Structures are given as C-alpha cells and as structure tokens.
Amino acid sequence: MEPNQSPERAATARATADAALPLFERQLDRRAWLCGDRLTITDIVAGSGLGFGRMIAYQVGEAYPNLQRWAKAAMARPGAKPKR
C-alpha cells in the first residue's frame, strides 16, 4: 500500500460503503449470491470491492450477517485462494 494514503479519500470510501451495505444485505436475504443461486461476475466485482476495504481498515460488521455469510462463501471458492 501507498504510505501516504489520503484520509479524506478513506472517509469518502467508508461513507460510500456504509450507504451501500444495507442494499447488499437486503439482496442477500433471499438468495445465496447477489444475482441468484450461483456465483456471477457481480459477486466477483462486489467481493473485490470488499477486499479493497482492507486498505482503509473497513470491515463488514455484525449488523450484516447475510453479507458476512456471502463474503465467507465467496472467499472459500478455489478461485479466491491466493496462488503460491
């Protein structure tokens, strides 16, 4: 990561995530993946966005159990595992 990260950009990114997470939580209340019963490119893109959250120390909290379940399932897939 860059040593001189912008606190203002981090704050904006946090606010954007805070506004979007309830939508994802509701969507995942009725299905395993964002667009239905199987993984799609939507899940991959959204998952990568959560991965970028680590750069601003952003974590999905307990208020989002569906999102936590989804993220755990997405990261458990073979394609999500780091290559050595």
N, C-alpha and C. Protein backbone atom coordinates (compact mmCIF):
# COMPACT_ATOMS: atom_id res chain seq x y z
N MET A 1 0.82 -1.18 0.00
CA MET A 1 0.00 0.00 0.00
C MET A 1 0.87 1.24 0.00
N GLU A 2 0.30 2.28 -0.50
CA GLU A 2 0.99 3.56 -0.52
C GLU A 2 1.13 4.10 0.90
N PRO A 3 2.30 4.65 1.25
CA PRO A 3 2.48 5.16 2.62
C PRO A 3 1.72 6.44 2.89
N ASN A 4 1.38 7.19 1.87
CA ASN A 4 0.73 8.49 2.05
C ASN A 4 -0.72 8.45 1.57
N GLN A 5 -1.52 7.59 2.16
CA GLN A 5 -2.93 7.48 1.79
C GLN A 5 -3.68 8.73 2.24
N SER A 6 -4.66 9.11 1.50
CA SER A 6 -5.45 10.30 1.80
C SER A 6 -6.56 9.98 2.81
N PRO A 7 -6.54 10.59 3.98
CA PRO A 7 -7.61 10.37 4.96
C PRO A 7 -8.97 10.82 4.42
N GLU A 8 -8.98 11.85 3.59
CA GLU A 8 -10.23 12.33 3.02
C GLU A 8 -10.83 11.28 2.08
N ARG A 9 -9.99 10.67 1.25
CA ARG A 9 -10.49 9.63 0.34
C ARG A 9 -10.97 8.41 1.12
N ALA A 10 -10.25 8.07 2.18
CA ALA A 10 -10.67 6.95 3.01
C ALA A 10 -12.04 7.22 3.63
N ALA A 11 -12.24 8.44 4.11
CA ALA A 11 -13.53 8.80 4.71
C ALA A 11 -14.65 8.73 3.68
N THR A 12 -14.38 9.18 2.47
CA THR A 12 -15.38 9.11 1.40
C THR A 12 -15.70 7.65 1.06
N ALA A 13 -14.67 6.82 1.00
CA ALA A 13 -14.88 5.40 0.70
C ALA A 13 -15.69 4.73 1.80
N ARG A 14 -15.42 5.07 3.05
CA ARG A 14 -16.19 4.50 4.17
C ARG A 14 -17.66 4.91 4.07
N ALA A 15 -17.91 6.18 3.79
CA ALA A 15 -19.28 6.67 3.68
C ALA A 15 -20.02 5.98 2.53
N THR A 16 -19.34 5.77 1.42
CA THR A 16 -19.94 5.09 0.29
C THR A 16 -20.30 3.65 0.65
N ALA A 17 -19.39 2.96 1.33
CA ALA A 17 -19.65 1.58 1.75
C ALA A 17 -20.79 1.54 2.75
N ASP A 18 -20.80 2.45 3.70
CA ASP A 18 -21.87 2.48 4.69
C ASP A 18 -23.24 2.66 4.04
N ALA A 19 -23.30 3.42 2.96
CA ALA A 19 -24.56 3.64 2.26
C ALA A 19 -24.97 2.43 1.42
N ALA A 20 -24.00 1.68 0.90
CA ALA A 20 -24.30 0.56 0.01
C ALA A 20 -24.56 -0.75 0.73
N LEU A 21 -23.94 -0.97 1.86
CA LEU A 21 -24.04 -2.28 2.53
C LEU A 21 -25.47 -2.69 2.87
N PRO A 22 -26.35 -1.79 3.31
CA PRO A 22 -27.73 -2.23 3.57
C PRO A 22 -28.43 -2.80 2.32
N LEU A 23 -28.14 -2.24 1.17
CA LEU A 23 -28.71 -2.75 -0.07
C LEU A 23 -28.24 -4.17 -0.34
N PHE A 24 -26.96 -4.42 -0.19
CA PHE A 24 -26.42 -5.76 -0.39
C PHE A 24 -26.99 -6.73 0.64
N GLU A 25 -27.11 -6.29 1.87
CA GLU A 25 -27.65 -7.14 2.93
C GLU A 25 -29.08 -7.58 2.60
N ARG A 26 -29.90 -6.64 2.15
CA ARG A 26 -31.28 -7.00 1.77
C ARG A 26 -31.30 -7.94 0.58
N GLN A 27 -30.47 -7.70 -0.39
CA GLN A 27 -30.42 -8.55 -1.59
C GLN A 27 -30.04 -9.98 -1.21
N LEU A 28 -29.12 -10.13 -0.29
CA LEU A 28 -28.64 -11.45 0.11
C LEU A 28 -29.56 -12.13 1.11
N ASP A 29 -30.59 -11.46 1.55
CA ASP A 29 -31.54 -12.06 2.47
C ASP A 29 -32.36 -13.16 1.79
N ARG A 30 -32.49 -13.08 0.48
CA ARG A 30 -33.35 -14.01 -0.26
C ARG A 30 -32.59 -14.96 -1.17
N ARG A 31 -31.28 -14.84 -1.22
CA ARG A 31 -30.52 -15.68 -2.15
C ARG A 31 -29.09 -15.89 -1.67
N ALA A 32 -28.46 -16.91 -2.21
CA ALA A 32 -27.08 -17.24 -1.82
C ALA A 32 -26.08 -16.25 -2.39
N TRP A 33 -26.32 -15.80 -3.62
CA TRP A 33 -25.41 -14.89 -4.31
C TRP A 33 -26.18 -13.65 -4.71
N LEU A 34 -25.50 -12.62 -5.10
CA LEU A 34 -26.17 -11.34 -5.38
C LEU A 34 -27.23 -11.39 -6.47
N CYS A 35 -27.02 -12.25 -7.46
CA CYS A 35 -27.97 -12.30 -8.58
C CYS A 35 -28.71 -13.63 -8.69
N GLY A 36 -28.69 -14.44 -7.64
CA GLY A 36 -29.41 -15.70 -7.70
C GLY A 36 -28.73 -16.81 -6.94
N ASP A 37 -28.84 -18.00 -7.50
CA ASP A 37 -28.35 -19.20 -6.81
C ASP A 37 -26.93 -19.60 -7.20
N ARG A 38 -26.29 -18.82 -8.05
CA ARG A 38 -24.92 -19.16 -8.42
C ARG A 38 -24.07 -17.90 -8.51
N LEU A 39 -22.79 -18.10 -8.36
CA LEU A 39 -21.83 -17.01 -8.44
C LEU A 39 -21.86 -16.39 -9.84
N THR A 40 -21.84 -15.07 -9.90
CA THR A 40 -21.76 -14.35 -11.17
C THR A 40 -20.65 -13.30 -11.08
N ILE A 41 -20.43 -12.63 -12.17
CA ILE A 41 -19.43 -11.56 -12.20
C ILE A 41 -19.79 -10.47 -11.19
N THR A 42 -21.06 -10.30 -10.90
CA THR A 42 -21.49 -9.31 -9.91
C THR A 42 -20.87 -9.61 -8.55
N ASP A 43 -20.88 -10.87 -8.16
CA ASP A 43 -20.29 -11.28 -6.88
C ASP A 43 -18.78 -11.05 -6.87
N ILE A 44 -18.15 -11.35 -7.98
CA ILE A 44 -16.70 -11.19 -8.06
C ILE A 44 -16.30 -9.71 -7.94
N VAL A 45 -17.01 -8.86 -8.64
CA VAL A 45 -16.70 -7.42 -8.59
C VAL A 45 -17.00 -6.86 -7.20
N ALA A 46 -18.15 -7.21 -6.65
CA ALA A 46 -18.50 -6.73 -5.31
C ALA A 46 -17.51 -7.25 -4.27
N GLY A 47 -17.12 -8.50 -4.41
CA GLY A 47 -16.15 -9.07 -3.48
C GLY A 47 -14.80 -8.38 -3.55
N SER A 48 -14.40 -8.01 -4.75
CA SER A 48 -13.12 -7.30 -4.86
C SER A 48 -13.22 -5.94 -4.20
N GLY A 49 -14.39 -5.33 -4.25
CA GLY A 49 -14.59 -4.05 -3.56
C GLY A 49 -14.42 -4.18 -2.07
N LEU A 50 -14.96 -5.27 -1.51
CA LEU A 50 -14.77 -5.51 -0.08
C LEU A 50 -13.30 -5.75 0.23
N GLY A 51 -12.60 -6.40 -0.69
CA GLY A 51 -11.17 -6.62 -0.49
C GLY A 51 -10.40 -5.32 -0.40
N PHE A 52 -10.80 -4.35 -1.20
CA PHE A 52 -10.14 -3.04 -1.14
C PHE A 52 -10.41 -2.34 0.19
N GLY A 53 -11.48 -2.74 0.87
CA GLY A 53 -11.79 -2.16 2.16
C GLY A 53 -10.69 -2.35 3.19
N ARG A 54 -9.90 -3.40 3.00
CA ARG A 54 -8.78 -3.62 3.92
C ARG A 54 -7.80 -2.46 3.91
N MET A 55 -7.70 -1.77 2.79
CA MET A 55 -6.74 -0.66 2.70
C MET A 55 -7.14 0.51 3.59
N ILE A 56 -8.42 0.60 3.95
CA ILE A 56 -8.87 1.68 4.83
C ILE A 56 -9.36 1.09 6.16
N ALA A 57 -8.96 -0.16 6.43
CA ALA A 57 -9.32 -0.86 7.67
C ALA A 57 -10.83 -0.94 7.84
N TYR A 58 -11.55 -1.17 6.75
CA TYR A 58 -13.01 -1.27 6.78
C TYR A 58 -13.40 -2.73 6.88
N GLN A 59 -14.27 -3.04 7.83
CA GLN A 59 -14.75 -4.39 8.00
C GLN A 59 -16.28 -4.39 8.01
N VAL A 60 -16.85 -5.43 7.45
CA VAL A 60 -18.30 -5.60 7.48
C VAL A 60 -18.67 -6.03 8.89
N GLY A 61 -19.52 -5.27 9.54
CA GLY A 61 -19.86 -5.54 10.94
C GLY A 61 -20.94 -6.60 11.12
N GLU A 62 -21.22 -6.88 12.37
CA GLU A 62 -22.21 -7.89 12.74
C GLU A 62 -23.62 -7.52 12.30
N ALA A 63 -23.85 -6.27 11.97
CA ALA A 63 -25.17 -5.83 11.51
C ALA A 63 -25.51 -6.40 10.14
N TYR A 64 -24.53 -7.05 9.49
CA TYR A 64 -24.72 -7.56 8.14
C TYR A 64 -24.42 -9.06 8.08
N PRO A 65 -25.25 -9.90 8.72
CA PRO A 65 -24.96 -11.34 8.73
C PRO A 65 -25.03 -11.98 7.34
N ASN A 66 -25.94 -11.51 6.49
CA ASN A 66 -26.03 -12.07 5.13
C ASN A 66 -24.79 -11.73 4.32
N LEU A 67 -24.32 -10.53 4.47
CA LEU A 67 -23.12 -10.10 3.75
C LEU A 67 -21.89 -10.84 4.26
N GLN A 68 -21.83 -11.07 5.56
CA GLN A 68 -20.71 -11.84 6.11
C GLN A 68 -20.73 -13.28 5.58
N ARG A 69 -21.91 -13.88 5.55
CA ARG A 69 -22.05 -15.24 5.01
C ARG A 69 -21.61 -15.29 3.56
N TRP A 70 -22.07 -14.33 2.78
CA TRP A 70 -21.75 -14.26 1.35
C TRP A 70 -20.24 -14.09 1.15
N ALA A 71 -19.63 -13.19 1.91
CA ALA A 71 -18.19 -12.95 1.76
C ALA A 71 -17.40 -14.20 2.12
N LYS A 72 -17.81 -14.89 3.16
CA LYS A 72 -17.12 -16.12 3.57
C LYS A 72 -17.24 -17.17 2.46
N ALA A 73 -18.43 -17.32 1.89
CA ALA A 73 -18.62 -18.29 0.80
C ALA A 73 -17.81 -17.91 -0.43
N ALA A 74 -17.77 -16.63 -0.75
CA ALA A 74 -17.01 -16.18 -1.92
C ALA A 74 -15.51 -16.44 -1.74
N MET A 75 -15.00 -16.18 -0.54
CA MET A 75 -13.58 -16.37 -0.30
C MET A 75 -13.20 -17.84 -0.16
N ALA A 76 -14.18 -18.71 0.07
CA ALA A 76 -13.90 -20.14 0.20
C ALA A 76 -13.79 -20.82 -1.16
N ARG A 77 -14.18 -20.16 -2.21
CA ARG A 77 -14.12 -20.75 -3.56
C ARG A 77 -12.67 -20.92 -4.00
N PRO A 78 -12.37 -21.96 -4.73
CA PRO A 78 -10.97 -22.21 -5.16
C PRO A 78 -10.34 -21.02 -5.90
N GLY A 79 -11.11 -20.34 -6.72
CA GLY A 79 -10.56 -19.21 -7.48
C GLY A 79 -10.19 -18.02 -6.62
N ALA A 80 -10.67 -17.97 -5.38
CA ALA A 80 -10.36 -16.85 -4.49
C ALA A 80 -9.11 -17.09 -3.66
N LYS A 81 -8.63 -18.29 -3.69
CA LYS A 81 -7.44 -18.64 -2.90
C LYS A 81 -6.19 -18.07 -3.54
N PRO A 82 -5.30 -17.49 -2.73
CA PRO A 82 -4.04 -16.98 -3.28
C PRO A 82 -3.21 -18.12 -3.90
N LYS A 83 -2.56 -17.81 -4.98
CA LYS A 83 -1.69 -18.79 -5.65
C LYS A 83 -0.31 -18.68 -5.03
N ARG A 84 0.33 -19.82 -4.84
CA ARG A 84 1.68 -19.80 -4.25
C ARG A 84 2.67 -20.23 -5.26
